[in-house]
Amino acid sequence: MPLSPPSALLVTIPEAESLVREHRLRFDPVTERGVPAHVTAIHPFIARDELDEAALDRLAELAEAHEAFDYSFSRSAWFGTEVLYLAPDDPEPFLRLTEAIVRAFPDHPPYEGVYDEVTPHLTVALGTDGADLGAVEATLRDGLPVTGRARHLTLMTEDDEGRWSVRREFPFSG
């Protein structure tokens, strides 16, 4: 019997939605499947049907051990020529959160451990046509900076049809 789809741990960035949603709907397929603007803390995480109360309790404790934090995204950046994203001015709070999750759940490294270094980011567009994404980047500049406050860690799960939904939010302290 195959495992259920993985879950994901995110820091949602609702203040960015008005700026990035149209582009994300066009160039990031998870958007139309229910995933909001966010910075990924861990994906993939525990399989949906394997999430148990012990894991949920551990996530609640982990989030409570982290202070809510302010963030600002004032520039765009690229992974190669195919991924356009907004870069947080201060990536450290996002990195500390990801590192704490990895310490608590060592079997679930970010992006399955594929990358040597984690770069916190808010994906705006994925594609192969650099010119199209260059035009998207130009439209983002007028809406920057995006500022807000991270108040919780969001656990999202994917259903059998590929739609994502919030399973639970774990408040940060403060």
N, C-alpha and C. Protein backbone atom coordinates (compact mmCIF):
# COMPACT_ATOMS: atom_id res chain seq x y z
N MET A 1 0.85 -1.18 0.00
CA MET A 1 0.00 0.00 0.00
C MET A 1 0.90 1.24 0.00
N PRO A 2 0.71 2.15 -0.95
CA PRO A 2 1.57 3.35 -1.02
C PRO A 2 1.31 4.29 0.14
N LEU A 3 2.34 5.03 0.48
CA LEU A 3 2.20 6.04 1.52
C LEU A 3 1.28 7.15 1.04
N SER A 4 0.65 7.79 2.00
CA SER A 4 -0.16 8.96 1.66
C SER A 4 0.78 10.11 1.27
N PRO A 5 0.23 11.14 0.65
CA PRO A 5 1.08 12.28 0.26
C PRO A 5 1.76 12.91 1.47
N PRO A 6 2.91 13.56 1.24
CA PRO A 6 3.61 14.20 2.35
C PRO A 6 2.88 15.47 2.79
N SER A 7 3.18 15.87 3.99
CA SER A 7 2.71 17.16 4.48
C SER A 7 3.81 18.19 4.25
N ALA A 8 3.54 19.44 4.63
CA ALA A 8 4.53 20.51 4.49
C ALA A 8 4.39 21.45 5.67
N LEU A 9 5.51 22.01 6.10
CA LEU A 9 5.52 23.04 7.15
C LEU A 9 5.95 24.35 6.51
N LEU A 10 5.11 25.36 6.68
CA LEU A 10 5.31 26.64 6.00
C LEU A 10 5.16 27.80 6.97
N VAL A 11 5.77 28.91 6.61
CA VAL A 11 5.45 30.20 7.22
C VAL A 11 4.71 30.97 6.12
N THR A 12 3.41 31.14 6.32
CA THR A 12 2.63 31.84 5.31
C THR A 12 2.95 33.33 5.33
N ILE A 13 2.86 33.95 4.17
CA ILE A 13 3.17 35.37 4.00
C ILE A 13 1.95 36.03 3.36
N PRO A 14 0.87 36.23 4.14
CA PRO A 14 -0.37 36.75 3.55
C PRO A 14 -0.23 38.14 2.95
N GLU A 15 0.67 38.94 3.47
CA GLU A 15 0.87 40.29 2.96
C GLU A 15 1.36 40.30 1.52
N ALA A 16 1.91 39.19 1.06
CA ALA A 16 2.43 39.11 -0.31
C ALA A 16 1.37 38.70 -1.33
N GLU A 17 0.25 38.19 -0.87
CA GLU A 17 -0.74 37.64 -1.80
C GLU A 17 -1.15 38.61 -2.89
N SER A 18 -1.45 39.85 -2.55
CA SER A 18 -1.92 40.78 -3.58
C SER A 18 -0.85 41.06 -4.63
N LEU A 19 0.40 40.96 -4.26
CA LEU A 19 1.50 41.20 -5.19
C LEU A 19 1.82 39.98 -6.04
N VAL A 20 1.78 38.80 -5.46
CA VAL A 20 2.30 37.62 -6.16
C VAL A 20 1.25 36.63 -6.64
N ARG A 21 0.03 36.71 -6.16
CA ARG A 21 -0.95 35.67 -6.46
C ARG A 21 -1.17 35.45 -7.96
N GLU A 22 -1.38 36.51 -8.70
CA GLU A 22 -1.63 36.36 -10.14
C GLU A 22 -0.46 35.64 -10.83
N HIS A 23 0.76 36.01 -10.47
CA HIS A 23 1.94 35.38 -11.06
C HIS A 23 2.07 33.93 -10.59
N ARG A 24 1.79 33.69 -9.32
CA ARG A 24 1.89 32.33 -8.81
C ARG A 24 0.84 31.43 -9.47
N LEU A 25 -0.38 31.95 -9.69
CA LEU A 25 -1.40 31.15 -10.36
C LEU A 25 -0.95 30.76 -11.77
N ARG A 26 -0.24 31.64 -12.42
CA ARG A 26 0.21 31.39 -13.78
C ARG A 26 1.46 30.52 -13.85
N PHE A 27 2.38 30.71 -12.88
CA PHE A 27 3.69 30.09 -12.99
C PHE A 27 4.10 29.16 -11.85
N ASP A 28 3.22 28.89 -10.90
CA ASP A 28 3.56 27.97 -9.82
C ASP A 28 2.35 27.06 -9.58
N PRO A 29 2.40 25.83 -10.05
CA PRO A 29 1.22 24.96 -10.04
C PRO A 29 0.63 24.67 -8.66
N VAL A 30 1.40 24.79 -7.59
CA VAL A 30 0.82 24.49 -6.27
C VAL A 30 -0.17 25.57 -5.82
N THR A 31 -0.10 26.74 -6.43
CA THR A 31 -0.98 27.84 -6.03
C THR A 31 -2.44 27.47 -6.28
N GLU A 32 -2.74 26.99 -7.48
CA GLU A 32 -4.13 26.64 -7.78
C GLU A 32 -4.59 25.41 -7.01
N ARG A 33 -3.65 24.70 -6.41
CA ARG A 33 -4.00 23.54 -5.59
C ARG A 33 -4.12 23.89 -4.11
N GLY A 34 -4.10 25.20 -3.79
CA GLY A 34 -4.41 25.63 -2.43
C GLY A 34 -3.25 26.12 -1.59
N VAL A 35 -2.04 26.16 -2.12
CA VAL A 35 -0.89 26.58 -1.32
C VAL A 35 -0.74 28.11 -1.41
N PRO A 36 -0.80 28.80 -0.26
CA PRO A 36 -0.69 30.26 -0.27
C PRO A 36 0.77 30.71 -0.40
N ALA A 37 0.96 32.02 -0.55
CA ALA A 37 2.31 32.58 -0.54
C ALA A 37 2.97 32.20 0.78
N HIS A 38 4.22 31.74 0.70
CA HIS A 38 4.86 31.19 1.90
C HIS A 38 6.37 31.10 1.73
N VAL A 39 7.02 30.87 2.85
CA VAL A 39 8.40 30.42 2.90
C VAL A 39 8.35 29.01 3.46
N THR A 40 8.91 28.06 2.74
CA THR A 40 8.90 26.67 3.18
C THR A 40 9.86 26.48 4.35
N ALA A 41 9.36 25.86 5.41
CA ALA A 41 10.23 25.45 6.51
C ALA A 41 10.74 24.04 6.24
N ILE A 42 9.83 23.11 5.95
CA ILE A 42 10.19 21.73 5.60
C ILE A 42 9.17 21.19 4.60
N HIS A 43 9.68 20.67 3.52
CA HIS A 43 8.88 19.89 2.58
C HIS A 43 9.83 18.96 1.84
N PRO A 44 9.49 17.72 1.70
CA PRO A 44 8.31 17.06 2.26
C PRO A 44 8.50 16.76 3.73
N PHE A 45 7.36 16.73 4.44
CA PHE A 45 7.37 16.40 5.86
C PHE A 45 6.67 15.06 6.02
N ILE A 46 6.26 14.72 7.19
CA ILE A 46 5.65 13.42 7.49
C ILE A 46 4.45 13.18 6.57
N ALA A 47 4.32 11.94 6.08
CA ALA A 47 3.18 11.58 5.24
C ALA A 47 1.88 11.90 5.98
N ARG A 48 0.91 12.40 5.23
CA ARG A 48 -0.35 12.87 5.80
C ARG A 48 -0.97 11.87 6.78
N ASP A 49 -1.06 10.62 6.39
CA ASP A 49 -1.73 9.63 7.23
C ASP A 49 -0.85 9.11 8.36
N GLU A 50 0.41 9.54 8.39
CA GLU A 50 1.32 9.14 9.45
C GLU A 50 1.45 10.21 10.53
N LEU A 51 0.87 11.37 10.32
CA LEU A 51 0.91 12.43 11.34
C LEU A 51 0.11 11.97 12.55
N ASP A 52 0.77 11.91 13.69
CA ASP A 52 0.08 11.46 14.88
C ASP A 52 0.12 12.56 15.95
N GLU A 53 -0.56 12.32 17.05
CA GLU A 53 -0.63 13.32 18.11
C GLU A 53 0.74 13.65 18.68
N ALA A 54 1.62 12.66 18.75
CA ALA A 54 2.96 12.93 19.28
C ALA A 54 3.69 13.94 18.39
N ALA A 55 3.60 13.76 17.07
CA ALA A 55 4.25 14.71 16.14
C ALA A 55 3.60 16.08 16.24
N LEU A 56 2.28 16.12 16.33
CA LEU A 56 1.58 17.41 16.43
C LEU A 56 1.94 18.12 17.73
N ASP A 57 2.03 17.36 18.82
CA ASP A 57 2.43 17.95 20.11
C ASP A 57 3.86 18.49 20.04
N ARG A 58 4.75 17.74 19.39
CA ARG A 58 6.14 18.19 19.26
C ARG A 58 6.22 19.47 18.43
N LEU A 59 5.42 19.54 17.38
CA LEU A 59 5.39 20.77 16.57
C LEU A 59 4.86 21.95 17.36
N ALA A 60 3.84 21.72 18.18
CA ALA A 60 3.29 22.80 19.00
C ALA A 60 4.35 23.31 19.98
N GLU A 61 5.08 22.41 20.60
CA GLU A 61 6.14 22.80 21.54
C GLU A 61 7.26 23.55 20.81
N LEU A 62 7.63 23.04 19.65
CA LEU A 62 8.69 23.67 18.87
C LEU A 62 8.29 25.10 18.49
N ALA A 63 7.08 25.29 18.00
CA ALA A 63 6.63 26.63 17.61
C ALA A 63 6.59 27.55 18.82
N GLU A 64 6.11 27.05 19.93
CA GLU A 64 6.02 27.87 21.14
C GLU A 64 7.40 28.30 21.62
N ALA A 65 8.41 27.54 21.30
CA ALA A 65 9.78 27.88 21.70
C ALA A 65 10.39 28.97 20.81
N HIS A 66 9.71 29.34 19.73
CA HIS A 66 10.19 30.38 18.81
C HIS A 66 9.35 31.63 18.96
N GLU A 67 10.04 32.76 19.01
CA GLU A 67 9.35 34.05 19.07
C GLU A 67 8.76 34.38 17.70
N ALA A 68 7.56 34.98 17.71
CA ALA A 68 7.04 35.56 16.47
C ALA A 68 8.08 36.55 15.97
N PHE A 69 8.15 36.73 14.66
CA PHE A 69 9.18 37.62 14.12
C PHE A 69 8.65 38.43 12.95
N ASP A 70 9.22 39.62 12.81
CA ASP A 70 8.90 40.48 11.68
C ASP A 70 9.72 40.06 10.48
N TYR A 71 9.15 40.26 9.30
CA TYR A 71 9.89 39.98 8.07
C TYR A 71 9.64 41.09 7.06
N SER A 72 10.57 41.18 6.13
CA SER A 72 10.47 42.12 5.03
C SER A 72 11.11 41.47 3.81
N PHE A 73 10.43 41.62 2.68
CA PHE A 73 10.95 41.16 1.40
C PHE A 73 11.06 42.40 0.52
N SER A 74 12.28 42.84 0.25
CA SER A 74 12.44 44.07 -0.52
C SER A 74 13.15 43.85 -1.86
N ARG A 75 13.44 42.59 -2.19
CA ARG A 75 14.10 42.33 -3.47
C ARG A 75 13.69 40.96 -4.00
N SER A 76 13.79 40.86 -5.30
CA SER A 76 13.59 39.57 -5.95
C SER A 76 14.97 38.95 -6.19
N ALA A 77 14.96 37.65 -6.45
CA ALA A 77 16.20 36.94 -6.74
C ALA A 77 15.84 35.71 -7.57
N TRP A 78 16.87 34.99 -7.98
CA TRP A 78 16.69 33.86 -8.89
C TRP A 78 17.47 32.64 -8.42
N PHE A 79 16.91 31.47 -8.66
CA PHE A 79 17.67 30.22 -8.66
C PHE A 79 17.87 29.92 -10.14
N GLY A 80 19.09 30.08 -10.61
CA GLY A 80 19.35 29.92 -12.03
C GLY A 80 18.56 30.93 -12.83
N THR A 81 17.97 30.48 -13.92
CA THR A 81 17.12 31.35 -14.74
C THR A 81 15.67 30.87 -14.74
N GLU A 82 15.38 29.87 -13.91
CA GLU A 82 14.06 29.26 -13.97
C GLU A 82 13.18 29.47 -12.75
N VAL A 83 13.72 29.96 -11.65
CA VAL A 83 12.90 30.16 -10.46
C VAL A 83 13.09 31.59 -9.96
N LEU A 84 12.01 32.34 -10.00
CA LEU A 84 11.99 33.71 -9.52
C LEU A 84 11.35 33.71 -8.13
N TYR A 85 12.01 34.38 -7.19
CA TYR A 85 11.46 34.40 -5.83
C TYR A 85 11.70 35.74 -5.17
N LEU A 86 10.98 35.96 -4.07
CA LEU A 86 11.24 37.10 -3.20
C LEU A 86 12.15 36.61 -2.09
N ALA A 87 13.18 37.37 -1.80
CA ALA A 87 14.16 37.01 -0.78
C ALA A 87 13.89 37.81 0.48
N PRO A 88 13.83 37.14 1.64
CA PRO A 88 13.66 37.90 2.88
C PRO A 88 14.91 38.72 3.17
N ASP A 89 14.71 39.94 3.64
CA ASP A 89 15.86 40.78 3.99
C ASP A 89 16.71 40.13 5.06
N ASP A 90 16.06 39.47 6.01
CA ASP A 90 16.76 38.74 7.06
C ASP A 90 16.31 37.28 7.03
N PRO A 91 17.08 36.40 6.43
CA PRO A 91 16.67 35.00 6.36
C PRO A 91 16.85 34.23 7.67
N GLU A 92 17.56 34.80 8.63
CA GLU A 92 17.92 34.05 9.85
C GLU A 92 16.73 33.48 10.63
N PRO A 93 15.65 34.23 10.86
CA PRO A 93 14.55 33.63 11.61
C PRO A 93 13.95 32.41 10.91
N PHE A 94 13.89 32.45 9.59
CA PHE A 94 13.39 31.30 8.84
C PHE A 94 14.36 30.12 8.94
N LEU A 95 15.66 30.41 8.85
CA LEU A 95 16.66 29.35 8.97
C LEU A 95 16.66 28.72 10.35
N ARG A 96 16.55 29.55 11.40
CA ARG A 96 16.52 29.00 12.77
C ARG A 96 15.32 28.07 12.95
N LEU A 97 14.18 28.44 12.39
CA LEU A 97 12.99 27.60 12.49
C LEU A 97 13.22 26.27 11.77
N THR A 98 13.72 26.33 10.57
CA THR A 98 13.99 25.09 9.81
C THR A 98 14.99 24.22 10.56
N GLU A 99 16.04 24.81 11.08
CA GLU A 99 17.04 24.04 11.82
C GLU A 99 16.43 23.37 13.06
N ALA A 100 15.55 24.08 13.75
CA ALA A 100 14.90 23.50 14.93
C ALA A 100 14.01 22.33 14.55
N ILE A 101 13.31 22.45 13.44
CA ILE A 101 12.45 21.36 12.98
C ILE A 101 13.30 20.14 12.61
N VAL A 102 14.41 20.38 11.93
CA VAL A 102 15.29 19.27 11.56
C VAL A 102 15.86 18.58 12.80
N ARG A 103 16.21 19.36 13.82
CA ARG A 103 16.69 18.74 15.07
C ARG A 103 15.60 17.88 15.70
N ALA A 104 14.36 18.34 15.65
CA ALA A 104 13.25 17.59 16.26
C ALA A 104 12.80 16.41 15.39
N PHE A 105 12.97 16.54 14.07
CA PHE A 105 12.52 15.51 13.13
C PHE A 105 13.64 15.24 12.13
N PRO A 106 14.73 14.60 12.57
CA PRO A 106 15.91 14.44 11.70
C PRO A 106 15.67 13.60 10.44
N ASP A 107 14.60 12.83 10.42
CA ASP A 107 14.31 12.04 9.23
C ASP A 107 13.65 12.85 8.12
N HIS A 108 13.46 14.16 8.37
CA HIS A 108 12.76 15.01 7.39
C HIS A 108 13.56 16.28 7.10
N PRO A 109 14.71 16.14 6.44
CA PRO A 109 15.48 17.34 6.09
C PRO A 109 14.76 18.14 5.01
N PRO A 110 15.02 19.43 4.92
CA PRO A 110 14.38 20.24 3.88
C PRO A 110 14.68 19.69 2.49
N TYR A 111 13.66 19.62 1.67
CA TYR A 111 13.80 19.18 0.28
C TYR A 111 14.51 17.83 0.18
N GLU A 112 14.26 16.98 1.17
CA GLU A 112 14.83 15.63 1.25
C GLU A 112 16.35 15.63 1.26
N GLY A 113 16.96 16.74 1.68
CA GLY A 113 18.42 16.82 1.76
C GLY A 113 19.11 17.01 0.42
N VAL A 114 18.36 17.34 -0.63
CA VAL A 114 18.93 17.48 -1.96
C VAL A 114 19.92 18.64 -2.04
N TYR A 115 19.66 19.71 -1.30
CA TYR A 115 20.50 20.91 -1.37
C TYR A 115 21.40 21.00 -0.15
N ASP A 116 22.65 21.39 -0.38
CA ASP A 116 23.60 21.53 0.72
C ASP A 116 23.24 22.70 1.62
N GLU A 117 22.65 23.71 1.04
CA GLU A 117 22.32 24.91 1.79
C GLU A 117 20.86 25.28 1.54
N VAL A 118 20.16 25.65 2.59
CA VAL A 118 18.77 26.08 2.47
C VAL A 118 18.74 27.59 2.31
N THR A 119 18.01 28.06 1.32
CA THR A 119 17.85 29.49 1.08
C THR A 119 16.38 29.84 1.28
N PRO A 120 16.03 30.48 2.40
CA PRO A 120 14.63 30.86 2.58
C PRO A 120 14.18 31.78 1.44
N HIS A 121 12.98 31.49 0.92
CA HIS A 121 12.48 32.26 -0.22
C HIS A 121 10.97 32.07 -0.37
N LEU A 122 10.36 33.01 -1.05
CA LEU A 122 8.95 32.93 -1.41
C LEU A 122 8.90 32.80 -2.93
N THR A 123 8.61 31.60 -3.41
CA THR A 123 8.59 31.36 -4.85
C THR A 123 7.45 32.13 -5.50
N VAL A 124 7.79 32.84 -6.56
CA VAL A 124 6.80 33.58 -7.33
C VAL A 124 6.50 32.87 -8.64
N ALA A 125 7.53 32.35 -9.30
CA ALA A 125 7.33 31.75 -10.62
C ALA A 125 8.39 30.70 -10.91
N LEU A 126 7.94 29.64 -11.54
CA LEU A 126 8.81 28.58 -12.03
C LEU A 126 8.62 28.53 -13.53
N GLY A 127 9.67 28.38 -14.27
CA GLY A 127 9.48 28.29 -15.71
C GLY A 127 10.78 28.09 -16.44
N THR A 128 10.66 27.93 -17.72
CA THR A 128 11.85 27.73 -18.54
C THR A 128 12.10 28.90 -19.45
N ASP A 129 11.20 29.85 -19.51
CA ASP A 129 11.37 31.00 -20.40
C ASP A 129 11.81 32.20 -19.58
N GLY A 130 13.11 32.42 -19.49
CA GLY A 130 13.65 33.51 -18.69
C GLY A 130 13.08 34.86 -19.04
N ALA A 131 12.74 35.10 -20.31
CA ALA A 131 12.18 36.39 -20.70
C ALA A 131 10.83 36.62 -20.05
N ASP A 132 9.98 35.61 -20.02
CA ASP A 132 8.67 35.74 -19.37
C ASP A 132 8.83 36.05 -17.89
N LEU A 133 9.71 35.34 -17.23
CA LEU A 133 9.91 35.58 -15.81
C LEU A 133 10.59 36.91 -15.56
N GLY A 134 11.39 37.37 -16.49
CA GLY A 134 11.96 38.72 -16.37
C GLY A 134 10.88 39.77 -16.36
N ALA A 135 9.85 39.58 -17.17
CA ALA A 135 8.72 40.52 -17.20
C ALA A 135 7.95 40.45 -15.88
N VAL A 136 7.80 39.26 -15.34
CA VAL A 136 7.14 39.11 -14.04
C VAL A 136 7.94 39.85 -12.97
N GLU A 137 9.25 39.67 -12.99
CA GLU A 137 10.10 40.34 -12.00
C GLU A 137 9.94 41.86 -12.08
N ALA A 138 9.86 42.39 -13.27
CA ALA A 138 9.71 43.84 -13.43
C ALA A 138 8.42 44.34 -12.78
N THR A 139 7.35 43.55 -12.85
CA THR A 139 6.08 43.98 -12.26
C THR A 139 6.10 43.90 -10.73
N LEU A 140 6.97 43.07 -10.18
CA LEU A 140 7.05 42.93 -8.73
C LEU A 140 7.66 44.16 -8.05
N ARG A 141 8.59 44.79 -8.73
CA ARG A 141 9.38 45.86 -8.10
C ARG A 141 8.53 46.97 -7.50
N ASP A 142 7.44 47.34 -8.18
CA ASP A 142 6.60 48.43 -7.68
C ASP A 142 5.89 48.07 -6.38
N GLY A 143 5.71 46.79 -6.12
CA GLY A 143 4.98 46.37 -4.92
C GLY A 143 5.85 46.09 -3.72
N LEU A 144 7.15 46.19 -3.88
CA LEU A 144 8.06 45.89 -2.77
C LEU A 144 8.35 47.14 -1.96
N PRO A 145 8.59 47.04 -0.68
CA PRO A 145 8.74 45.81 0.08
C PRO A 145 7.39 45.25 0.54
N VAL A 146 7.42 43.97 0.84
CA VAL A 146 6.32 43.29 1.52
C VAL A 146 6.78 43.09 2.96
N THR A 147 6.01 43.56 3.91
CA THR A 147 6.39 43.41 5.32
C THR A 147 5.24 42.79 6.10
N GLY A 148 5.61 42.12 7.17
CA GLY A 148 4.59 41.51 8.03
C GLY A 148 5.24 40.88 9.25
N ARG A 149 4.46 40.07 9.92
CA ARG A 149 4.92 39.39 11.12
C ARG A 149 4.53 37.92 11.06
N ALA A 150 5.51 37.05 11.24
CA ALA A 150 5.25 35.61 11.29
C ALA A 150 4.75 35.27 12.69
N ARG A 151 3.54 34.79 12.77
CA ARG A 151 2.90 34.50 14.06
C ARG A 151 2.71 33.01 14.32
N HIS A 152 2.86 32.18 13.28
CA HIS A 152 2.64 30.75 13.46
C HIS A 152 3.31 29.94 12.35
N LEU A 153 3.50 28.68 12.65
CA LEU A 153 3.97 27.68 11.70
C LEU A 153 2.72 26.97 11.19
N THR A 154 2.62 26.80 9.89
CA THR A 154 1.44 26.19 9.29
C THR A 154 1.78 24.79 8.78
N LEU A 155 0.97 23.83 9.18
CA LEU A 155 1.07 22.46 8.67
C LEU A 155 -0.01 22.29 7.61
N MET A 156 0.42 21.97 6.39
CA MET A 156 -0.52 21.72 5.31
C MET A 156 -0.40 20.27 4.87
N THR A 157 -1.54 19.72 4.45
CA THR A 157 -1.56 18.35 3.94
C THR A 157 -2.23 18.34 2.56
N GLU A 158 -1.83 17.36 1.78
CA GLU A 158 -2.34 17.19 0.43
C GLU A 158 -3.35 16.05 0.42
N ASP A 159 -4.50 16.26 -0.22
CA ASP A 159 -5.48 15.17 -0.31
C ASP A 159 -5.14 14.27 -1.49
N ASP A 160 -5.95 13.25 -1.69
CA ASP A 160 -5.66 12.27 -2.75
C ASP A 160 -5.83 12.84 -4.15
N GLU A 161 -6.50 13.99 -4.27
CA GLU A 161 -6.67 14.65 -5.57
C GLU A 161 -5.62 15.73 -5.82
N GLY A 162 -4.69 15.91 -4.88
CA GLY A 162 -3.62 16.88 -5.07
C GLY A 162 -3.92 18.27 -4.53
N ARG A 163 -5.05 18.45 -3.85
CA ARG A 163 -5.39 19.75 -3.24
C ARG A 163 -4.76 19.82 -1.85
N TRP A 164 -4.25 21.02 -1.53
CA TRP A 164 -3.62 21.24 -0.24
C TRP A 164 -4.57 22.03 0.67
N SER A 165 -4.51 21.74 1.97
CA SER A 165 -5.30 22.50 2.93
C SER A 165 -4.53 22.59 4.25
N VAL A 166 -4.90 23.60 5.02
CA VAL A 166 -4.27 23.79 6.33
C VAL A 166 -4.81 22.73 7.28
N ARG A 167 -3.90 21.97 7.85
CA ARG A 167 -4.29 20.97 8.84
C ARG A 167 -4.28 21.59 10.23
N ARG A 168 -3.24 22.42 10.49
CA ARG A 168 -3.14 23.05 11.80
C ARG A 168 -2.13 24.19 11.75
N GLU A 169 -2.36 25.17 12.59
CA GLU A 169 -1.40 26.27 12.77
C GLU A 169 -0.88 26.20 14.20
N PHE A 170 0.44 26.35 14.33
CA PHE A 170 1.10 26.26 15.62
C PHE A 170 1.65 27.65 15.97
N PRO A 171 1.06 28.33 16.95
CA PRO A 171 1.49 29.71 17.26
C PRO A 171 2.91 29.79 17.80
N PHE A 172 3.62 30.82 17.34
CA PHE A 172 4.90 31.16 17.94
C PHE A 172 4.62 31.92 19.23
N SER A 173 5.60 32.01 20.10
CA SER A 173 5.40 32.77 21.33
C SER A 173 5.49 34.25 21.03
N GLY A 174 4.99 35.04 21.96
CA GLY A 174 5.05 36.50 21.79
C GLY A 174 3.85 37.02 21.11
